[in-house]
Amino acid sequence: EAKAMLVNGVLEQLPDCYLVAASGMAGMDTPNTIKTRRIMKRFYLC
């Protein structure tokens, strides 16, 4: 919930700010699944 609040807030109310967020890093899966993706112009997800 805190993640969603911050992502939505920054993208909606801070138009000059870039946001770099994270989703998914738990467990013992291969490290090769960790990646970076550009969701939109100012929003990246790792």
ModelCIF file with pLDDT and N, C-alpha, C, O atoms, coordinates in Angstrom:
data_MODEL
#
_entry.id   MODEL 
#
_entity.id                         1 
_entity.type                       polymer 
_entity.pdbx_number_of_molecules   1 
#
_entity_poly.entity_id                      1 
_entity_poly.type                           'polypeptide(L)' 
_entity_poly.nstd_linkage                   no 
_entity_poly.nstd_monomer                   no 
_entity_poly.pdbx_seq_one_letter_code       EAKAMLVNGVLEQLPDCYLVAASGMAGMDTPNTIKTRRIMKRFYLC 
_entity_poly.pdbx_seq_one_letter_code_can   EAKAMLVNGVLEQLPDCYLVAASGMAGMDTPNTIKTRRIMKRFYLC 
_entity_poly.pdbx_strand_id                 A 
#
loop_
_entity_poly_seq.entity_id 
_entity_poly_seq.num 
_entity_poly_seq.mon_id 
_entity_poly_seq.hetero 
1 1  GLU n 
1 2  ALA n 
1 3  LYS n 
1 4  ALA n 
1 5  MET n 
1 6  LEU n 
1 7  VAL n 
1 8  ASN n 
1 9  GLY n 
1 10 VAL n 
1 11 LEU n 
1 12 GLU n 
1 13 GLN n 
1 14 LEU n 
1 15 PRO n 
1 16 ASP n 
1 17 CYS n 
1 18 TYR n 
1 19 LEU n 
1 20 VAL n 
1 21 ALA n 
1 22 ALA n 
1 23 SER n 
1 24 GLY n 
1 25 MET n 
1 26 ALA n 
1 27 GLY n 
1 28 MET n 
1 29 ASP n 
1 30 THR n 
1 31 PRO n 
1 32 ASN n 
1 33 THR n 
1 34 ILE n 
1 35 LYS n 
1 36 THR n 
1 37 ARG n 
1 38 ARG n 
1 39 ILE n 
1 40 MET n 
1 41 LYS n 
1 42 ARG n 
1 43 PHE n 
1 44 TYR n 
1 45 LEU n 
1 46 CYS n 
#
_struct_asym.id          A 
_struct_asym.entity_id   1 
#
loop_
_ma_qa_metric.id 
_ma_qa_metric.mode 
_ma_qa_metric.name 
_ma_qa_metric.software_group_id 
_ma_qa_metric.type 
1 global pLDDT . pLDDT 
2 local  pLDDT . pLDDT 
#
_ma_qa_metric_global.metric_id      1 
_ma_qa_metric_global.metric_value   94.89 
_ma_qa_metric_global.model_id       1 
_ma_qa_metric_global.ordinal_id     1 
#
loop_
_ma_qa_metric_local.label_asym_id 
_ma_qa_metric_local.label_comp_id 
_ma_qa_metric_local.label_seq_id 
_ma_qa_metric_local.metric_id 
_ma_qa_metric_local.metric_value 
_ma_qa_metric_local.model_id 
_ma_qa_metric_local.ordinal_id 
A GLU 1  2 94.00 1 1  
A ALA 2  2 95.00 1 2  
A LYS 3  2 94.00 1 3  
A ALA 4  2 95.00 1 4  
A MET 5  2 96.00 1 5  
A LEU 6  2 97.00 1 6  
A VAL 7  2 96.00 1 7  
A ASN 8  2 96.00 1 8  
A GLY 9  2 96.00 1 9  
A VAL 10 2 96.00 1 10 
A LEU 11 2 96.00 1 11 
A GLU 12 2 96.00 1 12 
A GLN 13 2 95.00 1 13 
A LEU 14 2 96.00 1 14 
A PRO 15 2 95.00 1 15 
A ASP 16 2 95.00 1 16 
A CYS 17 2 97.00 1 17 
A TYR 18 2 98.00 1 18 
A LEU 19 2 98.00 1 19 
A VAL 20 2 98.00 1 20 
A ALA 21 2 98.00 1 21 
A ALA 22 2 97.00 1 22 
A SER 23 2 94.00 1 23 
A GLY 24 2 91.00 1 24 
A MET 25 2 89.00 1 25 
A ALA 26 2 88.00 1 26 
A GLY 27 2 85.00 1 27 
A MET 28 2 88.00 1 28 
A ASP 29 2 89.00 1 29 
A THR 30 2 91.00 1 30 
A PRO 31 2 89.00 1 31 
A ASN 32 2 95.00 1 32 
A THR 33 2 95.00 1 33 
A ILE 34 2 96.00 1 34 
A LYS 35 2 96.00 1 35 
A THR 36 2 97.00 1 36 
A ARG 37 2 97.00 1 37 
A ARG 38 2 97.00 1 38 
A ILE 39 2 97.00 1 39 
A MET 40 2 95.00 1 40 
A LYS 41 2 95.00 1 41 
A ARG 42 2 96.00 1 42 
A PHE 43 2 98.00 1 43 
A TYR 44 2 98.00 1 44 
A LEU 45 2 98.00 1 45 
A CYS 46 2 97.00 1 46 
#
loop_
_atom_site.group_PDB 
_atom_site.id 
_atom_site.type_symbol 
_atom_site.label_atom_id 
_atom_site.label_alt_id 
_atom_site.label_comp_id 
_atom_site.label_asym_id 
_atom_site.label_entity_id 
_atom_site.label_seq_id 
_atom_site.pdbx_PDB_ins_code 
_atom_site.Cartn_x 
_atom_site.Cartn_y 
_atom_site.Cartn_z 
_atom_site.occupancy 
_atom_site.B_iso_or_equiv 
_atom_site.pdbx_formal_charge 
_atom_site.auth_seq_id 
_atom_site.auth_comp_id 
_atom_site.auth_asym_id 
_atom_site.auth_atom_id 
_atom_site.pdbx_PDB_model_num 
ATOM 1   N N  . GLU A 1 1  ? 0.831  -1.210  0.000   1.00 94.00 ? 1  GLU A N  1 
ATOM 2   C CA . GLU A 1 1  ? 0.000  0.000   0.000   1.00 94.00 ? 1  GLU A CA 1 
ATOM 3   C C  . GLU A 1 1  ? 0.858  1.249   0.000   1.00 94.00 ? 1  GLU A C  1 
ATOM 4   O O  . GLU A 1 1  ? 0.550  2.217   -0.697  1.00 94.00 ? 1  GLU A O  1 
ATOM 5   N N  . ALA A 1 2  ? 1.931  1.237   0.776   1.00 95.00 ? 2  ALA A N  1 
ATOM 6   C CA . ALA A 1 2  ? 2.835  2.390   0.804   1.00 95.00 ? 2  ALA A CA 1 
ATOM 7   C C  . ALA A 1 2  ? 3.506  2.584   -0.553  1.00 95.00 ? 2  ALA A C  1 
ATOM 8   O O  . ALA A 1 2  ? 3.681  3.714   -1.008  1.00 95.00 ? 2  ALA A O  1 
ATOM 9   N N  . LYS A 1 3  ? 3.881  1.478   -1.198  1.00 94.00 ? 3  LYS A N  1 
ATOM 10  C CA . LYS A 1 3  ? 4.468  1.562   -2.530  1.00 94.00 ? 3  LYS A CA 1 
ATOM 11  C C  . LYS A 1 3  ? 3.506  2.234   -3.502  1.00 94.00 ? 3  LYS A C  1 
ATOM 12  O O  . LYS A 1 3  ? 3.883  3.162   -4.218  1.00 94.00 ? 3  LYS A O  1 
ATOM 13  N N  . ALA A 1 4  ? 2.272  1.765   -3.522  1.00 95.00 ? 4  ALA A N  1 
ATOM 14  C CA . ALA A 1 4  ? 1.279  2.304   -4.450  1.00 95.00 ? 4  ALA A CA 1 
ATOM 15  C C  . ALA A 1 4  ? 1.016  3.776   -4.175  1.00 95.00 ? 4  ALA A C  1 
ATOM 16  O O  . ALA A 1 4  ? 0.895  4.571   -5.107  1.00 95.00 ? 4  ALA A O  1 
ATOM 17  N N  . MET A 1 5  ? 0.928  4.140   -2.907  1.00 96.00 ? 5  MET A N  1 
ATOM 18  C CA . MET A 1 5  ? 0.692  5.537   -2.549  1.00 96.00 ? 5  MET A CA 1 
ATOM 19  C C  . MET A 1 5  ? 1.807  6.428   -3.076  1.00 96.00 ? 5  MET A C  1 
ATOM 20  O O  . MET A 1 5  ? 1.548  7.485   -3.650  1.00 96.00 ? 5  MET A O  1 
ATOM 21  N N  . LEU A 1 6  ? 3.055  5.995   -2.878  1.00 97.00 ? 6  LEU A N  1 
ATOM 22  C CA . LEU A 1 6  ? 4.186  6.823   -3.301  1.00 97.00 ? 6  LEU A CA 1 
ATOM 23  C C  . LEU A 1 6  ? 4.272  6.911   -4.815  1.00 97.00 ? 6  LEU A C  1 
ATOM 24  O O  . LEU A 1 6  ? 4.473  7.997   -5.360  1.00 97.00 ? 6  LEU A O  1 
ATOM 25  N N  . VAL A 1 7  ? 4.123  5.792   -5.499  1.00 96.00 ? 7  VAL A N  1 
ATOM 26  C CA . VAL A 1 7  ? 4.192  5.792   -6.957  1.00 96.00 ? 7  VAL A CA 1 
ATOM 27  C C  . VAL A 1 7  ? 3.132  6.706   -7.543  1.00 96.00 ? 7  VAL A C  1 
ATOM 28  O O  . VAL A 1 7  ? 3.434  7.563   -8.373  1.00 96.00 ? 7  VAL A O  1 
ATOM 29  N N  . ASN A 1 8  ? 1.895  6.529   -7.115  1.00 96.00 ? 8  ASN A N  1 
ATOM 30  C CA . ASN A 1 8  ? 0.806  7.361   -7.643  1.00 96.00 ? 8  ASN A CA 1 
ATOM 31  C C  . ASN A 1 8  ? 1.010  8.827   -7.305  1.00 96.00 ? 8  ASN A C  1 
ATOM 32  O O  . ASN A 1 8  ? 0.777  9.703   -8.138  1.00 96.00 ? 8  ASN A O  1 
ATOM 33  N N  . GLY A 1 9  ? 1.441  9.089   -6.090  1.00 96.00 ? 9  GLY A N  1 
ATOM 34  C CA . GLY A 1 9  ? 1.624  10.472  -5.662  1.00 96.00 ? 9  GLY A CA 1 
ATOM 35  C C  . GLY A 1 9  ? 2.711  11.195  -6.426  1.00 96.00 ? 9  GLY A C  1 
ATOM 36  O O  . GLY A 1 9  ? 2.516  12.324  -6.875  1.00 96.00 ? 9  GLY A O  1 
ATOM 37  N N  . VAL A 1 10 ? 3.858  10.548  -6.577  1.00 96.00 ? 10 VAL A N  1 
ATOM 38  C CA . VAL A 1 10 ? 4.972  11.181  -7.297  1.00 96.00 ? 10 VAL A CA 1 
ATOM 39  C C  . VAL A 1 10 ? 4.596  11.436  -8.749  1.00 96.00 ? 10 VAL A C  1 
ATOM 40  O O  . VAL A 1 10 ? 4.840  12.524  -9.272  1.00 96.00 ? 10 VAL A O  1 
ATOM 41  N N  . LEU A 1 11 ? 4.007  10.450  -9.399  1.00 96.00 ? 11 LEU A N  1 
ATOM 42  C CA . LEU A 1 11 ? 3.672  10.591  -10.813 1.00 96.00 ? 11 LEU A CA 1 
ATOM 43  C C  . LEU A 1 11 ? 2.591  11.639  -11.038 1.00 96.00 ? 11 LEU A C  1 
ATOM 44  O O  . LEU A 1 11 ? 2.581  12.302  -12.075 1.00 96.00 ? 11 LEU A O  1 
ATOM 45  N N  . GLU A 1 12 ? 1.688  11.796  -10.086 1.00 96.00 ? 12 GLU A N  1 
ATOM 46  C CA . GLU A 1 12 ? 0.585  12.729  -10.254 1.00 96.00 ? 12 GLU A CA 1 
ATOM 47  C C  . GLU A 1 12 ? 0.916  14.150  -9.790  1.00 96.00 ? 12 GLU A C  1 
ATOM 48  O O  . GLU A 1 12 ? 0.426  15.120  -10.368 1.00 96.00 ? 12 GLU A O  1 
ATOM 49  N N  . GLN A 1 13 ? 1.746  14.277  -8.748  1.00 95.00 ? 13 GLN A N  1 
ATOM 50  C CA . GLN A 1 13 ? 1.915  15.583  -8.119  1.00 95.00 ? 13 GLN A CA 1 
ATOM 51  C C  . GLN A 1 13 ? 3.321  16.171  -8.232  1.00 95.00 ? 13 GLN A C  1 
ATOM 52  O O  . GLN A 1 13 ? 3.513  17.348  -7.924  1.00 95.00 ? 13 GLN A O  1 
ATOM 53  N N  . LEU A 1 14 ? 4.300  15.390  -8.662  1.00 96.00 ? 14 LEU A N  1 
ATOM 54  C CA . LEU A 1 14 ? 5.664  15.906  -8.811  1.00 96.00 ? 14 LEU A CA 1 
ATOM 55  C C  . LEU A 1 14 ? 6.106  15.710  -10.260 1.00 96.00 ? 14 LEU A C  1 
ATOM 56  O O  . LEU A 1 14 ? 6.863  14.786  -10.558 1.00 96.00 ? 14 LEU A O  1 
ATOM 57  N N  . PRO A 1 15 ? 5.643  16.562  -11.149 1.00 95.00 ? 15 PRO A N  1 
ATOM 58  C CA . PRO A 1 15 ? 5.811  16.339  -12.592 1.00 95.00 ? 15 PRO A CA 1 
ATOM 59  C C  . PRO A 1 15 ? 7.240  16.395  -13.102 1.00 95.00 ? 15 PRO A C  1 
ATOM 60  O O  . PRO A 1 15 ? 7.508  15.917  -14.205 1.00 95.00 ? 15 PRO A O  1 
ATOM 61  N N  . ASP A 1 16 ? 8.161  16.959  -12.344 1.00 95.00 ? 16 ASP A N  1 
ATOM 62  C CA . ASP A 1 16 ? 9.544  17.051  -12.800 1.00 95.00 ? 16 ASP A CA 1 
ATOM 63  C C  . ASP A 1 16 ? 10.437 15.983  -12.186 1.00 95.00 ? 16 ASP A C  1 
ATOM 64  O O  . ASP A 1 16 ? 11.646 15.970  -12.417 1.00 95.00 ? 16 ASP A O  1 
ATOM 65  N N  . CYS A 1 17 ? 9.849  15.095  -11.411 1.00 97.00 ? 17 CYS A N  1 
ATOM 66  C CA . CYS A 1 17 ? 10.620 14.120  -10.643 1.00 97.00 ? 17 CYS A CA 1 
ATOM 67  C C  . CYS A 1 17 ? 10.551 12.736  -11.284 1.00 97.00 ? 17 CYS A C  1 
ATOM 68  O O  . CYS A 1 17 ? 9.481  12.290  -11.698 1.00 97.00 ? 17 CYS A O  1 
ATOM 69  N N  . TYR A 1 18 ? 11.687 12.066  -11.363 1.00 98.00 ? 18 TYR A N  1 
ATOM 70  C CA . TYR A 1 18 ? 11.728 10.677  -11.795 1.00 98.00 ? 18 TYR A CA 1 
ATOM 71  C C  . TYR A 1 18 ? 11.504 9.767   -10.584 1.00 98.00 ? 18 TYR A C  1 
ATOM 72  O O  . TYR A 1 18 ? 11.831 10.131  -9.454  1.00 98.00 ? 18 TYR A O  1 
ATOM 73  N N  . LEU A 1 19 ? 10.944 8.585   -10.835 1.00 98.00 ? 19 LEU A N  1 
ATOM 74  C CA . LEU A 1 19 ? 10.682 7.613   -9.773  1.00 98.00 ? 19 LEU A CA 1 
ATOM 75  C C  . LEU A 1 19 ? 11.291 6.273   -10.166 1.00 98.00 ? 19 LEU A C  1 
ATOM 76  O O  . LEU A 1 19 ? 11.064 5.774   -11.269 1.00 98.00 ? 19 LEU A O  1 
ATOM 77  N N  . VAL A 1 20 ? 12.068 5.696   -9.247  1.00 98.00 ? 20 VAL A N  1 
ATOM 78  C CA . VAL A 1 20 ? 12.656 4.378   -9.450  1.00 98.00 ? 20 VAL A CA 1 
ATOM 79  C C  . VAL A 1 20 ? 12.143 3.485   -8.320  1.00 98.00 ? 20 VAL A C  1 
ATOM 80  O O  . VAL A 1 20 ? 12.524 3.660   -7.162  1.00 98.00 ? 20 VAL A O  1 
ATOM 81  N N  . ALA A 1 21 ? 11.284 2.536   -8.657  1.00 98.00 ? 21 ALA A N  1 
ATOM 82  C CA . ALA A 1 21 ? 10.634 1.687   -7.664  1.00 98.00 ? 21 ALA A CA 1 
ATOM 83  C C  . ALA A 1 21 ? 11.107 0.246   -7.786  1.00 98.00 ? 21 ALA A C  1 
ATOM 84  O O  . ALA A 1 21 ? 11.850 -0.101  -8.704  1.00 98.00 ? 21 ALA A O  1 
ATOM 85  N N  . ALA A 1 22 ? 10.662 -0.597  -6.840  1.00 97.00 ? 22 ALA A N  1 
ATOM 86  C CA . ALA A 1 22 ? 11.070 -1.999  -6.826  1.00 97.00 ? 22 ALA A CA 1 
ATOM 87  C C  . ALA A 1 22 ? 9.869  -2.904  -6.625  1.00 97.00 ? 22 ALA A C  1 
ATOM 88  O O  . ALA A 1 22 ? 8.921  -2.557  -5.921  1.00 97.00 ? 22 ALA A O  1 
ATOM 89  N N  . SER A 1 23 ? 9.926  -4.074  -7.256  1.00 94.00 ? 23 SER A N  1 
ATOM 90  C CA . SER A 1 23 ? 8.879  -5.070  -7.077  1.00 94.00 ? 23 SER A CA 1 
ATOM 91  C C  . SER A 1 23 ? 9.429  -6.456  -7.371  1.00 94.00 ? 23 SER A C  1 
ATOM 92  O O  . SER A 1 23 ? 9.767  -6.758  -8.515  1.00 94.00 ? 23 SER A O  1 
ATOM 93  N N  . GLY A 1 24 ? 9.524  -7.310  -6.340  1.00 91.00 ? 24 GLY A N  1 
ATOM 94  C CA . GLY A 1 24 ? 9.919  -8.696  -6.532  1.00 91.00 ? 24 GLY A CA 1 
ATOM 95  C C  . GLY A 1 24 ? 11.403 -8.939  -6.399  1.00 91.00 ? 24 GLY A C  1 
ATOM 96  O O  . GLY A 1 24 ? 12.172 -8.661  -7.319  1.00 91.00 ? 24 GLY A O  1 
ATOM 97  N N  . MET A 1 25 ? 11.812 -9.467  -5.236  1.00 89.00 ? 25 MET A N  1 
ATOM 98  C CA . MET A 1 25 ? 13.225 -9.821  -5.042  1.00 89.00 ? 25 MET A CA 1 
ATOM 99  C C  . MET A 1 25 ? 13.358 -10.921 -4.001  1.00 89.00 ? 25 MET A C  1 
ATOM 100 O O  . MET A 1 25 ? 14.464 -11.211 -3.545  1.00 89.00 ? 25 MET A O  1 
ATOM 101 N N  . ALA A 1 26 ? 12.244 -11.537 -3.619  1.00 88.00 ? 26 ALA A N  1 
ATOM 102 C CA . ALA A 1 26 ? 12.245 -12.527 -2.552  1.00 88.00 ? 26 ALA A CA 1 
ATOM 103 C C  . ALA A 1 26 ? 12.669 -13.899 -3.046  1.00 88.00 ? 26 ALA A C  1 
ATOM 104 O O  . ALA A 1 26 ? 12.686 -14.171 -4.247  1.00 88.00 ? 26 ALA A O  1 
ATOM 105 N N  . GLY A 1 27 ? 13.015 -14.762 -2.085  1.00 85.00 ? 27 GLY A N  1 
ATOM 106 C CA . GLY A 1 27 ? 13.235 -16.166 -2.381  1.00 85.00 ? 27 GLY A CA 1 
ATOM 107 C C  . GLY A 1 27 ? 14.606 -16.513 -2.910  1.00 85.00 ? 27 GLY A C  1 
ATOM 108 O O  . GLY A 1 27 ? 15.537 -15.709 -2.863  1.00 85.00 ? 27 GLY A O  1 
ATOM 109 N N  . MET A 1 28 ? 14.710 -17.746 -3.424  1.00 88.00 ? 28 MET A N  1 
ATOM 110 C CA . MET A 1 28 ? 15.977 -18.313 -3.882  1.00 88.00 ? 28 MET A CA 1 
ATOM 111 C C  . MET A 1 28 ? 16.016 -18.519 -5.393  1.00 88.00 ? 28 MET A C  1 
ATOM 112 O O  . MET A 1 28 ? 16.826 -19.302 -5.888  1.00 88.00 ? 28 MET A O  1 
ATOM 113 N N  . ASP A 1 29 ? 15.161 -17.834 -6.122  1.00 89.00 ? 29 ASP A N  1 
ATOM 114 C CA . ASP A 1 29 ? 15.159 -17.962 -7.576  1.00 89.00 ? 29 ASP A CA 1 
ATOM 115 C C  . ASP A 1 29 ? 16.468 -17.426 -8.148  1.00 89.00 ? 29 ASP A C  1 
ATOM 116 O O  . ASP A 1 29 ? 17.224 -16.745 -7.455  1.00 89.00 ? 29 ASP A O  1 
ATOM 117 N N  . THR A 1 30 ? 16.726 -17.737 -9.402  1.00 91.00 ? 30 THR A N  1 
ATOM 118 C CA . THR A 1 30 ? 17.947 -17.263 -10.049 1.00 91.00 ? 30 THR A CA 1 
ATOM 119 C C  . THR A 1 30 ? 18.040 -15.736 -9.995  1.00 91.00 ? 30 THR A C  1 
ATOM 120 O O  . THR A 1 30 ? 17.029 -15.049 -10.142 1.00 91.00 ? 30 THR A O  1 
ATOM 121 N N  . PRO A 1 31 ? 19.226 -15.212 -9.791  1.00 89.00 ? 31 PRO A N  1 
ATOM 122 C CA . PRO A 1 31 ? 19.396 -13.758 -9.793  1.00 89.00 ? 31 PRO A CA 1 
ATOM 123 C C  . PRO A 1 31 ? 19.150 -13.132 -11.156 1.00 89.00 ? 31 PRO A C  1 
ATOM 124 O O  . PRO A 1 31 ? 18.957 -11.920 -11.258 1.00 89.00 ? 31 PRO A O  1 
ATOM 125 N N  . ASN A 1 32 ? 19.154 -13.942 -12.193 1.00 95.00 ? 32 ASN A N  1 
ATOM 126 C CA . ASN A 1 32 ? 19.022 -13.419 -13.554 1.00 95.00 ? 32 ASN A CA 1 
ATOM 127 C C  . ASN A 1 32 ? 17.626 -12.912 -13.881 1.00 95.00 ? 32 ASN A C  1 
ATOM 128 O O  . ASN A 1 32 ? 17.416 -12.324 -14.942 1.00 95.00 ? 32 ASN A O  1 
ATOM 129 N N  . THR A 1 33 ? 16.667 -13.132 -12.984 1.00 95.00 ? 33 THR A N  1 
ATOM 130 C CA . THR A 1 33 ? 15.324 -12.607 -13.217 1.00 95.00 ? 33 THR A CA 1 
ATOM 131 C C  . THR A 1 33 ? 15.165 -11.171 -12.716 1.00 95.00 ? 33 THR A C  1 
ATOM 132 O O  . THR A 1 33 ? 14.161 -10.522 -13.011 1.00 95.00 ? 33 THR A O  1 
ATOM 133 N N  . ILE A 1 34 ? 16.137 -10.676 -11.967 1.00 96.00 ? 34 ILE A N  1 
ATOM 134 C CA . ILE A 1 34 ? 16.098 -9.277  -11.528 1.00 96.00 ? 34 ILE A CA 1 
ATOM 135 C C  . ILE A 1 34 ? 16.441 -8.402  -12.725 1.00 96.00 ? 34 ILE A C  1 
ATOM 136 O O  . ILE A 1 34 ? 17.473 -8.598  -13.367 1.00 96.00 ? 34 ILE A O  1 
ATOM 137 N N  . LYS A 1 35 ? 15.580 -7.441  -13.024 1.00 96.00 ? 35 LYS A N  1 
ATOM 138 C CA . LYS A 1 35 ? 15.782 -6.602  -14.210 1.00 96.00 ? 35 LYS A CA 1 
ATOM 139 C C  . LYS A 1 35 ? 15.248 -5.193  -13.948 1.00 96.00 ? 35 LYS A C  1 
ATOM 140 O O  . LYS A 1 35 ? 14.633 -4.927  -12.915 1.00 96.00 ? 35 LYS A O  1 
ATOM 141 N N  . THR A 1 36 ? 15.493 -4.317  -14.887 1.00 97.00 ? 36 THR A N  1 
ATOM 142 C CA . THR A 1 36 ? 14.969 -2.947  -14.841 1.00 97.00 ? 36 THR A CA 1 
ATOM 143 C C  . THR A 1 36 ? 14.104 -2.717  -16.067 1.00 97.00 ? 36 THR A C  1 
ATOM 144 O O  . THR A 1 36 ? 14.487 -3.045  -17.190 1.00 97.00 ? 36 THR A O  1 
ATOM 145 N N  . ARG A 1 37 ? 12.924 -2.146  -15.830 1.00 97.00 ? 37 ARG A N  1 
ATOM 146 C CA . ARG A 1 37 ? 12.004 -1.879  -16.932 1.00 97.00 ? 37 ARG A CA 1 
ATOM 147 C C  . ARG A 1 37 ? 11.480 -0.451  -16.819 1.00 97.00 ? 37 ARG A C  1 
ATOM 148 O O  . ARG A 1 37 ? 11.100 -0.001  -15.739 1.00 97.00 ? 37 ARG A O  1 
ATOM 149 N N  . ARG A 1 38 ? 11.467 0.246   -17.938 1.00 97.00 ? 38 ARG A N  1 
ATOM 150 C CA . ARG A 1 38 ? 10.916 1.603   -17.970 1.00 97.00 ? 38 ARG A CA 1 
ATOM 151 C C  . ARG A 1 38 ? 9.415  1.495   -18.237 1.00 97.00 ? 38 ARG A C  1 
ATOM 152 O O  . ARG A 1 38 ? 8.992  1.101   -19.324 1.00 97.00 ? 38 ARG A O  1 
ATOM 153 N N  . ILE A 1 39 ? 8.623  1.851   -17.232 1.00 97.00 ? 39 ILE A N  1 
ATOM 154 C CA . ILE A 1 39 ? 7.174  1.721   -17.327 1.00 97.00 ? 39 ILE A CA 1 
ATOM 155 C C  . ILE A 1 39 ? 6.581  2.877   -18.124 1.00 97.00 ? 39 ILE A C  1 
ATOM 156 O O  . ILE A 1 39 ? 5.717  2.681   -18.978 1.00 97.00 ? 39 ILE A O  1 
ATOM 157 N N  . MET A 1 40 ? 7.055  4.073   -17.833 1.00 95.00 ? 40 MET A N  1 
ATOM 158 C CA . MET A 1 40 ? 6.677  5.264   -18.576 1.00 95.00 ? 40 MET A CA 1 
ATOM 159 C C  . MET A 1 40 ? 7.828  6.250   -18.474 1.00 95.00 ? 40 MET A C  1 
ATOM 160 O O  . MET A 1 40 ? 8.858  5.934   -17.878 1.00 95.00 ? 40 MET A O  1 
ATOM 161 N N  . LYS A 1 41 ? 7.676  7.417   -19.037 1.00 95.00 ? 41 LYS A N  1 
ATOM 162 C CA . LYS A 1 41 ? 8.802  8.350   -19.182 1.00 95.00 ? 41 LYS A CA 1 
ATOM 163 C C  . LYS A 1 41 ? 9.554  8.593   -17.878 1.00 95.00 ? 41 LYS A C  1 
ATOM 164 O O  . LYS A 1 41 ? 10.785 8.592   -17.869 1.00 95.00 ? 41 LYS A O  1 
ATOM 165 N N  . ARG A 1 42 ? 8.838  8.801   -16.783 1.00 96.00 ? 42 ARG A N  1 
ATOM 166 C CA . ARG A 1 42 ? 9.490  9.139   -15.517 1.00 96.00 ? 42 ARG A CA 1 
ATOM 167 C C  . ARG A 1 42 ? 9.453  8.014   -14.498 1.00 96.00 ? 42 ARG A C  1 
ATOM 168 O O  . ARG A 1 42 ? 9.788  8.234   -13.334 1.00 96.00 ? 42 ARG A O  1 
ATOM 169 N N  . PHE A 1 43 ? 9.056  6.815   -14.903 1.00 98.00 ? 43 PHE A N  1 
ATOM 170 C CA . PHE A 1 43 ? 8.844  5.736   -13.949 1.00 98.00 ? 43 PHE A CA 1 
ATOM 171 C C  . PHE A 1 43 ? 9.577  4.463   -14.378 1.00 98.00 ? 43 PHE A C  1 
ATOM 172 O O  . PHE A 1 43 ? 9.327  3.917   -15.453 1.00 98.00 ? 43 PHE A O  1 
ATOM 173 N N  . TYR A 1 44 ? 10.484 4.004   -13.516 1.00 98.00 ? 44 TYR A N  1 
ATOM 174 C CA . TYR A 1 44 ? 11.237 2.777   -13.734 1.00 98.00 ? 44 TYR A CA 1 
ATOM 175 C C  . TYR A 1 44 ? 10.924 1.776   -12.622 1.00 98.00 ? 44 TYR A C  1 
ATOM 176 O O  . TYR A 1 44 ? 10.706 2.157   -11.472 1.00 98.00 ? 44 TYR A O  1 
ATOM 177 N N  . LEU A 1 45 ? 10.904 0.496   -12.980 1.00 98.00 ? 45 LEU A N  1 
ATOM 178 C CA . LEU A 1 45 ? 10.613 -0.553  -12.012 1.00 98.00 ? 45 LEU A CA 1 
ATOM 179 C C  . LEU A 1 45 ? 11.721 -1.607  -12.065 1.00 98.00 ? 45 LEU A C  1 
ATOM 180 O O  . LEU A 1 45 ? 12.070 -2.109  -13.134 1.00 98.00 ? 45 LEU A O  1 
ATOM 181 N N  . CYS A 1 46 ? 12.268 -1.933  -10.886 1.00 97.00 ? 46 CYS A N  1 
ATOM 182 C CA . CYS A 1 46 ? 13.351 -2.902  -10.783 1.00 97.00 ? 46 CYS A CA 1 
ATOM 183 C C  . CYS A 1 46 ? 12.896 -4.111  -9.955  1.00 97.00 ? 46 CYS A C  1 
ATOM 184 O O  . CYS A 1 46 ? 13.670 -5.046  -9.750  1.00 97.00 ? 46 CYS A O  1 
#
